[in-house]
Amino acid sequence: MSDQLLLEINNAIHIVAKIIELCGVLTIIAGGVASTVNYFRCLRAKEENSYQKFRSSLGRAVLLGLEFLVAGDIIGTVAVEPTFKSLGVLGLIVIIRTFLSFSLEVEINGRWPWQNAQLKKE
């Protein structure tokens, strides 16, 4: 393939990665706004556990946004510039975001994700 074609493909992949990352940020923002609006509706209706519902819905929005961000990072790093340094940075980012995802999952459900399968068996 010609250098010009490779450059155009590289640029297209970079743009796709940025769009996916933008979707992650927008998901977190939209989820935060929707969770906050719903929280105030629940407060006004004097529903029980409104704060817990707020934390749960906000946590789910953050988890979904993190998934988009990780996908964008993987595409951007592996497809665009696969060097050992960039792969190492990607590995650290994925580890940190995975830890955040597990932490949020515990906050939302009160148990580790793999405990769901154990509860279904019982």
PDB file of N, CA and C in Angstrom:
ATOM      1  N   MET A   1       0.844  -1.187   0.000  1.00  0.00           N
ATOM      2  CA  MET A   1       0.000   0.000   0.000  1.00  0.00           C
ATOM      3  C   MET A   1       0.884   1.243   0.000  1.00  0.00           C
ATOM      4  N   SER A   2       0.323   2.301  -0.514  1.00  0.00           N
ATOM      5  CA  SER A   2       1.091   3.539  -0.569  1.00  0.00           C
ATOM      6  C   SER A   2       1.112   4.215   0.799  1.00  0.00           C
ATOM      7  N   ASP A   3       2.112   5.057   0.973  1.00  0.00           N
ATOM      8  CA  ASP A   3       2.241   5.783   2.237  1.00  0.00           C
ATOM      9  C   ASP A   3       1.055   6.708   2.474  1.00  0.00           C
ATOM     10  N   GLN A   4       0.537   7.286   1.409  1.00  0.00           N
ATOM     11  CA  GLN A   4      -0.613   8.199   1.533  1.00  0.00           C
ATOM     12  C   GLN A   4      -1.851   7.450   2.025  1.00  0.00           C
ATOM     13  N   LEU A   5      -2.089   6.260   1.508  1.00  0.00           N
ATOM     14  CA  LEU A   5      -3.236   5.461   1.933  1.00  0.00           C
ATOM     15  C   LEU A   5      -3.096   5.041   3.390  1.00  0.00           C
ATOM     16  N   LEU A   6      -1.897   4.623   3.780  1.00  0.00           N
ATOM     17  CA  LEU A   6      -1.664   4.247   5.175  1.00  0.00           C
ATOM     18  C   LEU A   6      -1.885   5.427   6.116  1.00  0.00           C
ATOM     19  N   LEU A   7      -1.450   6.592   5.683  1.00  0.00           N
ATOM     20  CA  LEU A   7      -1.636   7.796   6.485  1.00  0.00           C
ATOM     21  C   LEU A   7      -3.123   8.127   6.634  1.00  0.00           C
ATOM     22  N   GLU A   8      -3.878   7.989   5.563  1.00  0.00           N
ATOM     23  CA  GLU A   8      -5.318   8.256   5.624  1.00  0.00           C
ATOM     24  C   GLU A   8      -6.045   7.241   6.509  1.00  0.00           C
ATOM     25  N   ILE A   9      -5.656   5.980   6.417  1.00  0.00           N
ATOM     26  CA  ILE A   9      -6.257   4.952   7.278  1.00  0.00           C
ATOM     27  C   ILE A   9      -5.918   5.233   8.740  1.00  0.00           C
ATOM     28  N   ASN A  10      -4.683   5.594   8.990  1.00  0.00           N
ATOM     29  CA  ASN A  10      -4.240   5.928  10.344  1.00  0.00           C
ATOM     30  C   ASN A  10      -5.040   7.102  10.903  1.00  0.00           C
ATOM     31  N   ASN A  11      -5.217   8.130  10.098  1.00  0.00           N
ATOM     32  CA  ASN A  11      -6.001   9.292  10.527  1.00  0.00           C
ATOM     33  C   ASN A  11      -7.455   8.923  10.787  1.00  0.00           C
ATOM     34  N   ALA A  12      -8.033   8.069   9.933  1.00  0.00           N
ATOM     35  CA  ALA A  12      -9.427   7.646  10.110  1.00  0.00           C
ATOM     36  C   ALA A  12      -9.587   6.863  11.417  1.00  0.00           C
ATOM     37  N   ILE A  13      -8.646   5.969  11.694  1.00  0.00           N
ATOM     38  CA  ILE A  13      -8.710   5.190  12.938  1.00  0.00           C
ATOM     39  C   ILE A  13      -8.562   6.114  14.144  1.00  0.00           C
ATOM     40  N   HIS A  14      -7.696   7.095  14.043  1.00  0.00           N
ATOM     41  CA  HIS A  14      -7.509   8.056  15.134  1.00  0.00           C
ATOM     42  C   HIS A  14      -8.799   8.844  15.380  1.00  0.00           C
ATOM     43  N   ILE A  15      -9.465   9.237  14.318  1.00  0.00           N
ATOM     44  CA  ILE A  15     -10.740   9.973  14.447  1.00  0.00           C
ATOM     45  C   ILE A  15     -11.800   9.078  15.084  1.00  0.00           C
ATOM     46  N   VAL A  16     -11.868   7.814  14.661  1.00  0.00           N
ATOM     47  CA  VAL A  16     -12.839   6.877  15.244  1.00  0.00           C
ATOM     48  C   VAL A  16     -12.582   6.710  16.739  1.00  0.00           C
ATOM     49  N   ALA A  17     -11.319   6.588  17.120  1.00  0.00           N
ATOM     50  CA  ALA A  17     -10.969   6.447  18.539  1.00  0.00           C
ATOM     51  C   ALA A  17     -11.416   7.681  19.325  1.00  0.00           C
ATOM     52  N   LYS A  18     -11.206   8.859  18.775  1.00  0.00           N
ATOM     53  CA  LYS A  18     -11.619  10.093  19.458  1.00  0.00           C
ATOM     54  C   LYS A  18     -13.139  10.190  19.556  1.00  0.00           C
ATOM     55  N   ILE A  19     -13.846   9.746  18.529  1.00  0.00           N
ATOM     56  CA  ILE A  19     -15.315   9.764  18.571  1.00  0.00           C
ATOM     57  C   ILE A  19     -15.828   8.827  19.663  1.00  0.00           C
ATOM     58  N   ILE A  20     -15.213   7.648  19.766  1.00  0.00           N
ATOM     59  CA  ILE A  20     -15.626   6.698  20.816  1.00  0.00           C
ATOM     60  C   ILE A  20     -15.341   7.274  22.196  1.00  0.00           C
ATOM     61  N   GLU A  21     -14.196   7.920  22.361  1.00  0.00           N
ATOM     62  CA  GLU A  21     -13.886   8.555  23.649  1.00  0.00           C
ATOM     63  C   GLU A  21     -14.876   9.676  23.952  1.00  0.00           C
ATOM     64  N   LEU A  22     -15.246  10.438  22.931  1.00  0.00           N
ATOM     65  CA  LEU A  22     -16.239  11.495  23.118  1.00  0.00           C
ATOM     66  C   LEU A  22     -17.583  10.911  23.544  1.00  0.00           C
ATOM     67  N   CYS A  23     -17.946   9.769  22.958  1.00  0.00           N
ATOM     68  CA  CYS A  23     -19.186   9.090  23.373  1.00  0.00           C
ATOM     69  C   CYS A  23     -19.127   8.710  24.848  1.00  0.00           C
ATOM     70  N   GLY A  24     -17.959   8.289  25.309  1.00  0.00           N
ATOM     71  CA  GLY A  24     -17.797   7.954  26.731  1.00  0.00           C
ATOM     72  C   GLY A  24     -17.994   9.156  27.622  1.00  0.00           C
ATOM     73  N   VAL A  25     -17.391  10.277  27.252  1.00  0.00           N
ATOM     74  CA  VAL A  25     -17.537  11.501  28.048  1.00  0.00           C
ATOM     75  C   VAL A  25     -18.990  11.967  28.036  1.00  0.00           C
ATOM     76  N   LEU A  26     -19.613  11.950  26.855  1.00  0.00           N
ATOM     77  CA  LEU A  26     -21.011  12.381  26.758  1.00  0.00           C
ATOM     78  C   LEU A  26     -21.944  11.453  27.533  1.00  0.00           C
ATOM     79  N   THR A  27     -21.628  10.164  27.553  1.00  0.00           N
ATOM     80  CA  THR A  27     -22.426   9.207  28.327  1.00  0.00           C
ATOM     81  C   THR A  27     -22.360   9.528  29.809  1.00  0.00           C
ATOM     82  N   ILE A  28     -21.166   9.836  30.299  1.00  0.00           N
ATOM     83  CA  ILE A  28     -21.013  10.175  31.719  1.00  0.00           C
ATOM     84  C   ILE A  28     -21.762  11.467  32.035  1.00  0.00           C
ATOM     85  N   ILE A  29     -21.636  12.467  31.168  1.00  0.00           N
ATOM     86  CA  ILE A  29     -22.317  13.747  31.404  1.00  0.00           C
ATOM     87  C   ILE A  29     -23.834  13.575  31.358  1.00  0.00           C
ATOM     88  N   ALA A  30     -24.327  12.901  30.305  1.00  0.00           N
ATOM     89  CA  ALA A  30     -25.778  12.708  30.178  1.00  0.00           C
ATOM     90  C   ALA A  30     -26.320  11.872  31.330  1.00  0.00           C
ATOM     91  N   GLY A  31     -25.584  10.838  31.714  1.00  0.00           N
ATOM     92  CA  GLY A  31     -26.014  10.018  32.843  1.00  0.00           C
ATOM     93  C   GLY A  31     -26.023  10.790  34.142  1.00  0.00           C
ATOM     94  N   GLY A  32     -25.033  11.666  34.313  1.00  0.00           N
ATOM     95  CA  GLY A  32     -24.991  12.503  35.516  1.00  0.00           C
ATOM     96  C   GLY A  32     -26.158  13.466  35.580  1.00  0.00           C
ATOM     97  N   VAL A  33     -26.465  14.078  34.448  1.00  0.00           N
ATOM     98  CA  VAL A  33     -27.600  15.017  34.406  1.00  0.00           C
ATOM     99  C   VAL A  33     -28.908  14.274  34.639  1.00  0.00           C
ATOM    100  N   ALA A  34     -29.092  13.145  33.953  1.00  0.00           N
ATOM    101  CA  ALA A  34     -30.332  12.378  34.116  1.00  0.00           C
ATOM    102  C   ALA A  34     -30.483  11.862  35.541  1.00  0.00           C
ATOM    103  N   SER A  35     -29.385  11.393  36.130  1.00  0.00           N
ATOM    104  CA  SER A  35     -29.430  10.900  37.510  1.00  0.00           C
ATOM    105  C   SER A  35     -29.785  12.017  38.480  1.00  0.00           C
ATOM    106  N   THR A  36     -29.208  13.190  38.267  1.00  0.00           N
ATOM    107  CA  THR A  36     -29.481  14.329  39.149  1.00  0.00           C
ATOM    108  C   THR A  36     -30.927  14.787  39.030  1.00  0.00           C
ATOM    109  N   VAL A  37     -31.429  14.866  37.798  1.00  0.00           N
ATOM    110  CA  VAL A  37     -32.831  15.257  37.595  1.00  0.00           C
ATOM    111  C   VAL A  37     -33.755  14.246  38.256  1.00  0.00           C
ATOM    112  N   ASN A  38     -33.470  12.972  38.072  1.00  0.00           N
ATOM    113  CA  ASN A  38     -34.293  11.931  38.681  1.00  0.00           C
ATOM    114  C   ASN A  38     -34.204  11.972  40.207  1.00  0.00           C
ATOM    115  N   TYR A  39     -33.025  12.288  40.723  1.00  0.00           N
ATOM    116  CA  TYR A  39     -32.857  12.389  42.171  1.00  0.00           C
ATOM    117  C   TYR A  39     -33.739  13.493  42.751  1.00  0.00           C
ATOM    118  N   PHE A  40     -33.737  14.649  42.107  1.00  0.00           N
ATOM    119  CA  PHE A  40     -34.574  15.742  42.613  1.00  0.00           C
ATOM    120  C   PHE A  40     -36.058  15.435  42.466  1.00  0.00           C
ATOM    121  N   ARG A  41     -36.426  14.694  41.423  1.00  0.00           N
ATOM    122  CA  ARG A  41     -37.828  14.253  41.292  1.00  0.00           C
ATOM    123  C   ARG A  41     -38.197  13.319  42.436  1.00  0.00           C
ATOM    124  N   CYS A  42     -37.313  12.414  42.764  1.00  0.00           N
ATOM    125  CA  CYS A  42     -37.561  11.481  43.874  1.00  0.00           C
ATOM    126  C   CYS A  42     -37.628  12.220  45.210  1.00  0.00           C
ATOM    127  N   LEU A  43     -36.769  13.212  45.378  1.00  0.00           N
ATOM    128  CA  LEU A  43     -36.806  13.998  46.621  1.00  0.00           C
ATOM    129  C   LEU A  43     -38.127  14.743  46.749  1.00  0.00           C
ATOM    130  N   ARG A  44     -38.563  15.339  45.650  1.00  0.00           N
ATOM    131  CA  ARG A  44     -39.812  16.082  45.676  1.00  0.00           C
ATOM    132  C   ARG A  44     -41.001  15.168  45.960  1.00  0.00           C
ATOM    133  N   ALA A  45     -40.935  13.943  45.452  1.00  0.00           N
ATOM    134  CA  ALA A  45     -42.008  12.971  45.700  1.00  0.00           C
ATOM    135  C   ALA A  45     -41.834  12.269  47.039  1.00  0.00           C
ATOM    136  N   LYS A  46     -40.757  12.602  47.758  1.00  0.00           N
ATOM    137  CA  LYS A  46     -40.446  12.030  49.072  1.00  0.00           C
ATOM    138  C   LYS A  46     -40.361  10.503  49.037  1.00  0.00           C
ATOM    139  N   GLU A  47     -39.728   9.999  47.985  1.00  0.00           N
ATOM    140  CA  GLU A  47     -39.534   8.557  47.857  1.00  0.00           C
ATOM    141  C   GLU A  47     -38.418   8.105  48.788  1.00  0.00           C
ATOM    142  N   GLU A  48     -38.543   6.884  49.263  1.00  0.00           N
ATOM    143  CA  GLU A  48     -37.500   6.320  50.100  1.00  0.00           C
ATOM    144  C   GLU A  48     -36.315   5.912  49.222  1.00  0.00           C
ATOM    145  N   ASN A  49     -35.167   5.893  49.809  1.00  0.00           N
ATOM    146  CA  ASN A  49     -33.942   5.458  49.137  1.00  0.00           C
ATOM    147  C   ASN A  49     -33.608   6.290  47.898  1.00  0.00           C
ATOM    148  N   SER A  50     -34.002   7.551  47.880  1.00  0.00           N
ATOM    149  CA  SER A  50     -33.724   8.377  46.704  1.00  0.00           C
ATOM    150  C   SER A  50     -32.217   8.571  46.517  1.00  0.00           C
ATOM    151  N   TYR A  51     -31.482   8.708  47.614  1.00  0.00           N
ATOM    152  CA  TYR A  51     -30.039   8.876  47.501  1.00  0.00           C
ATOM    153  C   TYR A  51     -29.383   7.610  46.969  1.00  0.00           C
ATOM    154  N   GLN A  52     -29.829   6.457  47.427  1.00  0.00           N
ATOM    155  CA  GLN A  52     -29.272   5.186  46.943  1.00  0.00           C
ATOM    156  C   GLN A  52     -29.575   4.995  45.457  1.00  0.00           C
ATOM    157  N   LYS A  53     -30.785   5.355  45.034  1.00  0.00           N
ATOM    158  CA  LYS A  53     -31.139   5.267  43.609  1.00  0.00           C
ATOM    159  C   LYS A  53     -30.270   6.206  42.783  1.00  0.00           C
ATOM    160  N   PHE A  54     -30.016   7.400  43.325  1.00  0.00           N
ATOM    161  CA  PHE A  54     -29.164   8.368  42.637  1.00  0.00           C
ATOM    162  C   PHE A  54     -27.755   7.811  42.455  1.00  0.00           C
ATOM    163  N   ARG A  55     -27.181   7.298  43.522  1.00  0.00           N
ATOM    164  CA  ARG A  55     -25.824   6.745  43.444  1.00  0.00           C
ATOM    165  C   ARG A  55     -25.761   5.575  42.476  1.00  0.00           C
ATOM    166  N   SER A  56     -26.789   4.753  42.486  1.00  0.00           N
ATOM    167  CA  SER A  56     -26.819   3.592  41.595  1.00  0.00           C
ATOM    168  C   SER A  56     -26.884   4.016  40.132  1.00  0.00           C
ATOM    169  N   SER A  57     -27.777   4.927  39.812  1.00  0.00           N
ATOM    170  CA  SER A  57     -27.907   5.343  38.413  1.00  0.00           C
ATOM    171  C   SER A  57     -26.689   6.136  37.950  1.00  0.00           C
ATOM    172  N   LEU A  58     -26.122   6.952  38.819  1.00  0.00           N
ATOM    173  CA  LEU A  58     -24.911   7.689  38.463  1.00  0.00           C
ATOM    174  C   LEU A  58     -23.740   6.729  38.264  1.00  0.00           C
ATOM    175  N   GLY A  59     -23.628   5.749  39.129  1.00  0.00           N
ATOM    176  CA  GLY A  59     -22.568   4.752  38.998  1.00  0.00           C
ATOM    177  C   GLY A  59     -22.671   3.962  37.708  1.00  0.00           C
ATOM    178  N   ARG A  60     -23.897   3.617  37.316  1.00  0.00           N
ATOM    179  CA  ARG A  60     -24.088   2.886  36.058  1.00  0.00           C
ATOM    180  C   ARG A  60     -23.689   3.743  34.860  1.00  0.00           C
ATOM    181  N   ALA A  61     -23.991   5.026  34.908  1.00  0.00           N
ATOM    182  CA  ALA A  61     -23.603   5.930  33.819  1.00  0.00           C
ATOM    183  C   ALA A  61     -22.083   6.042  33.729  1.00  0.00           C
ATOM    184  N   VAL A  62     -21.430   6.136  34.880  1.00  0.00           N
ATOM    185  CA  VAL A  62     -19.971   6.223  34.892  1.00  0.00           C
ATOM    186  C   VAL A  62     -19.357   4.928  34.370  1.00  0.00           C
ATOM    187  N   LEU A  63     -19.912   3.780  34.774  1.00  0.00           N
ATOM    188  CA  LEU A  63     -19.408   2.498  34.281  1.00  0.00           C
ATOM    189  C   LEU A  63     -19.523   2.400  32.764  1.00  0.00           C
ATOM    190  N   LEU A  64     -20.665   2.782  32.217  1.00  0.00           N
ATOM    191  CA  LEU A  64     -20.848   2.716  30.771  1.00  0.00           C
ATOM    192  C   LEU A  64     -19.898   3.675  30.068  1.00  0.00           C
ATOM    193  N   GLY A  65     -19.740   4.869  30.611  1.00  0.00           N
ATOM    194  CA  GLY A  65     -18.805   5.824  30.035  1.00  0.00           C
ATOM    195  C   GLY A  65     -17.370   5.310  30.068  1.00  0.00           C
ATOM    196  N   LEU A  66     -16.991   4.657  31.167  1.00  0.00           N
ATOM    197  CA  LEU A  66     -15.650   4.083  31.265  1.00  0.00           C
ATOM    198  C   LEU A  66     -15.415   3.011  30.209  1.00  0.00           C
ATOM    199  N   GLU A  67     -16.450   2.232  29.913  1.00  0.00           N
ATOM    200  CA  GLU A  67     -16.311   1.210  28.866  1.00  0.00           C
ATOM    201  C   GLU A  67     -15.998   1.851  27.523  1.00  0.00           C
ATOM    202  N   PHE A  68     -16.694   2.925  27.199  1.00  0.00           N
ATOM    203  CA  PHE A  68     -16.409   3.647  25.951  1.00  0.00           C
ATOM    204  C   PHE A  68     -14.991   4.204  25.961  1.00  0.00           C
ATOM    205  N   LEU A  69     -14.580   4.784  27.079  1.00  0.00           N
ATOM    206  CA  LEU A  69     -13.246   5.372  27.162  1.00  0.00           C
ATOM    207  C   LEU A  69     -12.153   4.323  26.999  1.00  0.00           C
ATOM    208  N   VAL A  70     -12.330   3.166  27.606  1.00  0.00           N
ATOM    209  CA  VAL A  70     -11.350   2.093  27.460  1.00  0.00           C
ATOM    210  C   VAL A  70     -11.300   1.629  26.002  1.00  0.00           C
ATOM    211  N   ALA A  71     -12.465   1.476  25.377  1.00  0.00           N
ATOM    212  CA  ALA A  71     -12.494   1.060  23.964  1.00  0.00           C
ATOM    213  C   ALA A  71     -11.776   2.078  23.085  1.00  0.00           C
ATOM    214  N   GLY A  72     -12.020   3.352  23.318  1.00  0.00           N
ATOM    215  CA  GLY A  72     -11.339   4.388  22.552  1.00  0.00           C
ATOM    216  C   GLY A  72      -9.837   4.362  22.762  1.00  0.00           C
ATOM    217  N   ASP A  73      -9.417   4.137  24.012  1.00  0.00           N
ATOM    218  CA  ASP A  73      -7.983   4.050  24.303  1.00  0.00           C
ATOM    219  C   ASP A  73      -7.344   2.865  23.586  1.00  0.00           C
ATOM    220  N   ILE A  74      -8.025   1.734  23.599  1.00  0.00           N
ATOM    221  CA  ILE A  74      -7.481   0.544  22.941  1.00  0.00           C
ATOM    222  C   ILE A  74      -7.347   0.777  21.441  1.00  0.00           C
ATOM    223  N   ILE A  75      -8.381   1.296  20.825  1.00  0.00           N
ATOM    224  CA  ILE A  75      -8.324   1.556  19.388  1.00  0.00           C
ATOM    225  C   ILE A  75      -7.240   2.583  19.067  1.00  0.00           C
ATOM    226  N   GLY A  76      -7.221   3.662  19.819  1.00  0.00           N
ATOM    227  CA  GLY A  76      -6.251   4.712  19.562  1.00  0.00           C
ATOM    228  C   GLY A  76      -4.815   4.285  19.778  1.00  0.00           C
ATOM    229  N   THR A  77      -4.569   3.460  20.766  1.00  0.00           N
ATOM    230  CA  THR A  77      -3.199   3.072  21.088  1.00  0.00           C
ATOM    231  C   THR A  77      -2.712   1.929  20.213  1.00  0.00           C
ATOM    232  N   VAL A  78      -3.487   0.894  20.106  1.00  0.00           N
ATOM    233  CA  VAL A  78      -3.041  -0.289  19.370  1.00  0.00           C
ATOM    234  C   VAL A  78      -3.061  -0.053  17.865  1.00  0.00           C
ATOM    235  N   ALA A  79      -4.118   0.557  17.362  1.00  0.00           N
ATOM    236  CA  ALA A  79      -4.243   0.718  15.916  1.00  0.00           C
ATOM    237  C   ALA A  79      -3.423   1.878  15.377  1.00  0.00           C
ATOM    238  N   VAL A  80      -3.253   2.930  16.148  1.00  0.00           N
ATOM    239  CA  VAL A  80      -2.612   4.125  15.622  1.00  0.00           C
ATOM    240  C   VAL A  80      -1.104   4.120  15.863  1.00  0.00           C
ATOM    241  N   GLU A  81      -0.668   3.874  17.074  1.00  0.00           N
ATOM    242  CA  GLU A  81       0.760   3.960  17.379  1.00  0.00           C
ATOM    243  C   GLU A  81       1.193   2.853  18.326  1.00  0.00           C
ATOM    244  N   PRO A  82       1.328   1.620  17.830  1.00  0.00           N
ATOM    245  CA  PRO A  82       1.653   0.495  18.711  1.00  0.00           C
ATOM    246  C   PRO A  82       3.136   0.406  19.064  1.00  0.00           C
ATOM    247  N   THR A  83       3.560   1.207  20.033  1.00  0.00           N
ATOM    248  CA  THR A  83       4.924   1.102  20.550  1.00  0.00           C
ATOM    249  C   THR A  83       4.859   0.468  21.940  1.00  0.00           C
ATOM    250  N   PHE A  84       5.988   0.006  22.425  1.00  0.00           N
ATOM    251  CA  PHE A  84       5.996  -0.603  23.760  1.00  0.00           C
ATOM    252  C   PHE A  84       5.602   0.411  24.829  1.00  0.00           C
ATOM    253  N   LYS A  85       6.034   1.639  24.645  1.00  0.00           N
ATOM    254  CA  LYS A  85       5.694   2.677  25.620  1.00  0.00           C
ATOM    255  C   LYS A  85       4.189   2.939  25.613  1.00  0.00           C
ATOM    256  N   SER A  86       3.582   3.062  24.426  1.00  0.00           N
ATOM    257  CA  SER A  86       2.145   3.337  24.356  1.00  0.00           C
ATOM    258  C   SER A  86       1.333   2.142  24.859  1.00  0.00           C
ATOM    259  N   LEU A  87       1.816   0.922  24.587  1.00  0.00           N
ATOM    260  CA  LEU A  87       1.124  -0.262  25.108  1.00  0.00           C
ATOM    261  C   LEU A  87       1.225  -0.337  26.630  1.00  0.00           C
ATOM    262  N   GLY A  88       2.358   0.064  27.189  1.00  0.00           N
ATOM    263  CA  GLY A  88       2.502   0.104  28.644  1.00  0.00           C
ATOM    264  C   GLY A  88       1.571   1.109  29.278  1.00  0.00           C
ATOM    265  N   VAL A  89       1.485   2.285  28.659  1.00  0.00           N
ATOM    266  CA  VAL A  89       0.559   3.312  29.157  1.00  0.00           C
ATOM    267  C   VAL A  89      -0.875   2.814  29.045  1.00  0.00           C
ATOM    268  N   LEU A  90      -1.200   2.176  27.912  1.00  0.00           N
ATOM    269  CA  LEU A  90      -2.550   1.621  27.735  1.00  0.00           C
ATOM    270  C   LEU A  90      -2.846   0.587  28.814  1.00  0.00           C
ATOM    271  N   GLY A  91      -1.867  -0.279  29.097  1.00  0.00           N
ATOM    272  CA  GLY A  91      -2.061  -1.285  30.135  1.00  0.00           C
ATOM    273  C   GLY A  91      -2.364  -0.659  31.488  1.00  0.00           C
ATOM    274  N   LEU A  92      -1.639   0.387  31.833  1.00  0.00           N
ATOM    275  CA  LEU A  92      -1.899   1.073  33.105  1.00  0.00           C
ATOM    276  C   LEU A  92      -3.283   1.720  33.118  1.00  0.00           C
ATOM    277  N   ILE A  93      -3.657   2.344  32.012  1.00  0.00           N
ATOM    278  CA  ILE A  93      -4.984   2.968  31.928  1.00  0.00           C
ATOM    279  C   ILE A  93      -6.076   1.924  32.085  1.00  0.00           C
ATOM    280  N   VAL A  94      -5.930   0.793  31.397  1.00  0.00           N
ATOM    281  CA  VAL A  94      -6.939  -0.268  31.486  1.00  0.00           C
ATOM    282  C   VAL A  94      -7.003  -0.823  32.904  1.00  0.00           C
ATOM    283  N   ILE A  95      -5.868  -1.004  33.562  1.00  0.00           N
ATOM    284  CA  ILE A  95      -5.859  -1.510  34.946  1.00  0.00           C
ATOM    285  C   ILE A  95      -6.575  -0.525  35.878  1.00  0.00           C
ATOM    286  N   ILE A  96      -6.256   0.746  35.746  1.00  0.00           N
ATOM    287  CA  ILE A  96      -6.894   1.759  36.608  1.00  0.00           C
ATOM    288  C   ILE A  96      -8.393   1.809  36.359  1.00  0.00           C
ATOM    289  N   ARG A  97      -8.797   1.821  35.106  1.00  0.00           N
ATOM    290  CA  ARG A  97     -10.229   1.895  34.798  1.00  0.00           C
ATOM    291  C   ARG A  97     -10.954   0.619  35.182  1.00  0.00           C
ATOM    292  N   THR A  98     -10.287  -0.527  35.071  1.00  0.00           N
ATOM    293  CA  THR A  98     -10.902  -1.779  35.514  1.00  0.00           C
ATOM    294  C   THR A  98     -11.105  -1.754  37.027  1.00  0.00           C
ATOM    295  N   PHE A  99     -10.117  -1.268  37.761  1.00  0.00           N
ATOM    296  CA  PHE A  99     -10.253  -1.128  39.217  1.00  0.00           C
ATOM    297  C   PHE A  99     -11.420  -0.203  39.553  1.00  0.00           C
ATOM    298  N   LEU A 100     -11.524   0.913  38.829  1.00  0.00           N
ATOM    299  CA  LEU A 100     -12.647   1.832  39.057  1.00  0.00           C
ATOM    300  C   LEU A 100     -13.978   1.153  38.753  1.00  0.00           C
ATOM    301  N   SER A 101     -14.026   0.367  37.681  1.00  0.00           N
ATOM    302  CA  SER A 101     -15.259  -0.332  37.332  1.00  0.00           C
ATOM    303  C   SER A 101     -15.667  -1.313  38.422  1.00  0.00           C
ATOM    304  N   PHE A 102     -14.700  -2.088  38.921  1.00  0.00           N
ATOM    305  CA  PHE A 102     -15.002  -3.030  39.998  1.00  0.00           C
ATOM    306  C   PHE A 102     -15.454  -2.290  41.249  1.00  0.00           C
ATOM    307  N   SER A 103     -14.787  -1.189  41.571  1.00  0.00           N
ATOM    308  CA  SER A 103     -15.165  -0.413  42.751  1.00  0.00           C
ATOM    309  C   SER A 103     -16.582   0.126  42.623  1.00  0.00           C
ATOM    310  N   LEU A 104     -16.916   0.638  41.449  1.00  0.00           N
ATOM    311  CA  LEU A 104     -18.266   1.148  41.235  1.00  0.00           C
ATOM    312  C   LEU A 104     -19.301   0.029  41.288  1.00  0.00           C
ATOM    313  N   GLU A 105     -18.953  -1.133  40.749  1.00  0.00           N
ATOM    314  CA  GLU A 105     -19.862  -2.284  40.784  1.00  0.00           C
ATOM    315  C   GLU A 105     -20.171  -2.674  42.228  1.00  0.00           C
ATOM    316  N   VAL A 106     -19.151  -2.671  43.077  1.00  0.00           N
ATOM    317  CA  VAL A 106     -19.354  -2.990  44.493  1.00  0.00           C
ATOM    318  C   VAL A 106     -20.217  -1.924  45.153  1.00  0.00           C
ATOM    319  N   GLU A 107     -19.974  -0.658  44.815  1.00  0.00           N
ATOM    320  CA  GLU A 107     -20.779   0.437  45.372  1.00  0.00           C
ATOM    321  C   GLU A 107     -22.246   0.312  44.964  1.00  0.00           C
ATOM    322  N   ILE A 108     -22.490  -0.056  43.711  1.00  0.00           N
ATOM    323  CA  ILE A 108     -23.858  -0.121  43.203  1.00  0.00           C
ATOM    324  C   ILE A 108     -24.598  -1.328  43.768  1.00  0.00           C
ATOM    325  N   ASN A 109     -23.986  -2.515  43.663  1.00  0.00           N
ATOM    326  CA  ASN A 109     -24.683  -3.755  44.011  1.00  0.00           C
ATOM    327  C   ASN A 109     -24.344  -4.294  45.392  1.00  0.00           C
ATOM    328  N   GLY A 110     -23.296  -3.790  46.007  1.00  0.00           N
ATOM    329  CA  GLY A 110     -22.928  -4.263  47.332  1.00  0.00           C
ATOM    330  C   GLY A 110     -22.216  -5.599  47.330  1.00  0.00           C
ATOM    331  N   ARG A 111     -21.763  -6.062  46.158  1.00  0.00           N
ATOM    332  CA  ARG A 111     -21.029  -7.321  46.058  1.00  0.00           C
ATOM    333  C   ARG A 111     -20.159  -7.289  44.802  1.00  0.00           C
ATOM    334  N   TRP A 112     -19.183  -8.201  44.758  1.00  0.00           N
ATOM    335  CA  TRP A 112     -18.292  -8.288  43.613  1.00  0.00           C
ATOM    336  C   TRP A 112     -19.055  -8.831  42.410  1.00  0.00           C
ATOM    337  N   PRO A 113     -18.644  -8.492  41.202  1.00  0.00           N
ATOM    338  CA  PRO A 113     -19.370  -8.958  40.007  1.00  0.00           C
ATOM    339  C   PRO A 113     -19.453 -10.471  39.897  1.00  0.00           C
ATOM    340  N   TRP A 114     -18.418 -11.193  40.298  1.00  0.00           N
ATOM    341  CA  TRP A 114     -18.439 -12.641  40.180  1.00  0.00           C
ATOM    342  C   TRP A 114     -19.328 -13.303  41.221  1.00  0.00           C
ATOM    343  N   GLN A 115     -19.774 -12.546  42.228  1.00  0.00           N
ATOM    344  CA  GLN A 115     -20.684 -13.112  43.220  1.00  0.00           C
ATOM    345  C   GLN A 115     -22.095 -13.231  42.681  1.00  0.00           C
ATOM    346  N   ASN A 116     -22.429 -12.550  41.595  1.00  0.00           N
ATOM    347  CA  ASN A 116     -23.753 -12.677  40.985  1.00  0.00           C
ATOM    348  C   ASN A 116     -23.997 -14.108  40.515  1.00  0.00           C
ATOM    349  N   ALA A 117     -22.984 -14.730  39.910  1.00  0.00           N
ATOM    350  CA  ALA A 117     -23.126 -16.118  39.444  1.00  0.00           C
ATOM    351  C   ALA A 117     -23.323 -17.066  40.622  1.00  0.00           C
ATOM    352  N   GLN A 118     -22.644 -16.806  41.729  1.00  0.00           N
ATOM    353  CA  GLN A 118     -22.788 -17.658  42.906  1.00  0.00           C
ATOM    354  C   GLN A 118     -24.190 -17.534  43.487  1.00  0.00           C
ATOM    355  N   LEU A 119     -24.738 -16.313  43.477  1.00  0.00           N
ATOM    356  CA  LEU A 119     -26.085 -16.108  44.021  1.00  0.00           C
ATOM    357  C   LEU A 119     -27.139 -16.778  43.143  1.00  0.00           C
ATOM    358  N   LYS A 120     -26.925 -16.805  41.836  1.00  0.00           N
ATOM    359  CA  LYS A 120     -27.884 -17.443  40.933  1.00  0.00           C
ATOM    360  C   LYS A 120     -27.912 -18.945  41.122  1.00  0.00           C
ATOM    361  N   LYS A 121     -26.750 -19.541  41.460  1.00  0.00           N
ATOM    362  CA  LYS A 121     -26.679 -20.984  41.676  1.00  0.00           C
ATOM    363  C   LYS A 121     -27.416 -21.401  42.945  1.00  0.00           C
ATOM    364  N   GLU A 122     -27.447 -20.517  43.937  1.00  0.00           N
ATOM    365  CA  GLU A 122     -28.054 -20.856  45.234  1.00  0.00           C
ATOM    366  C   GLU A 122     -29.511 -20.750  45.213  1.00  0.00           C
TER     367      GLU A 122
END
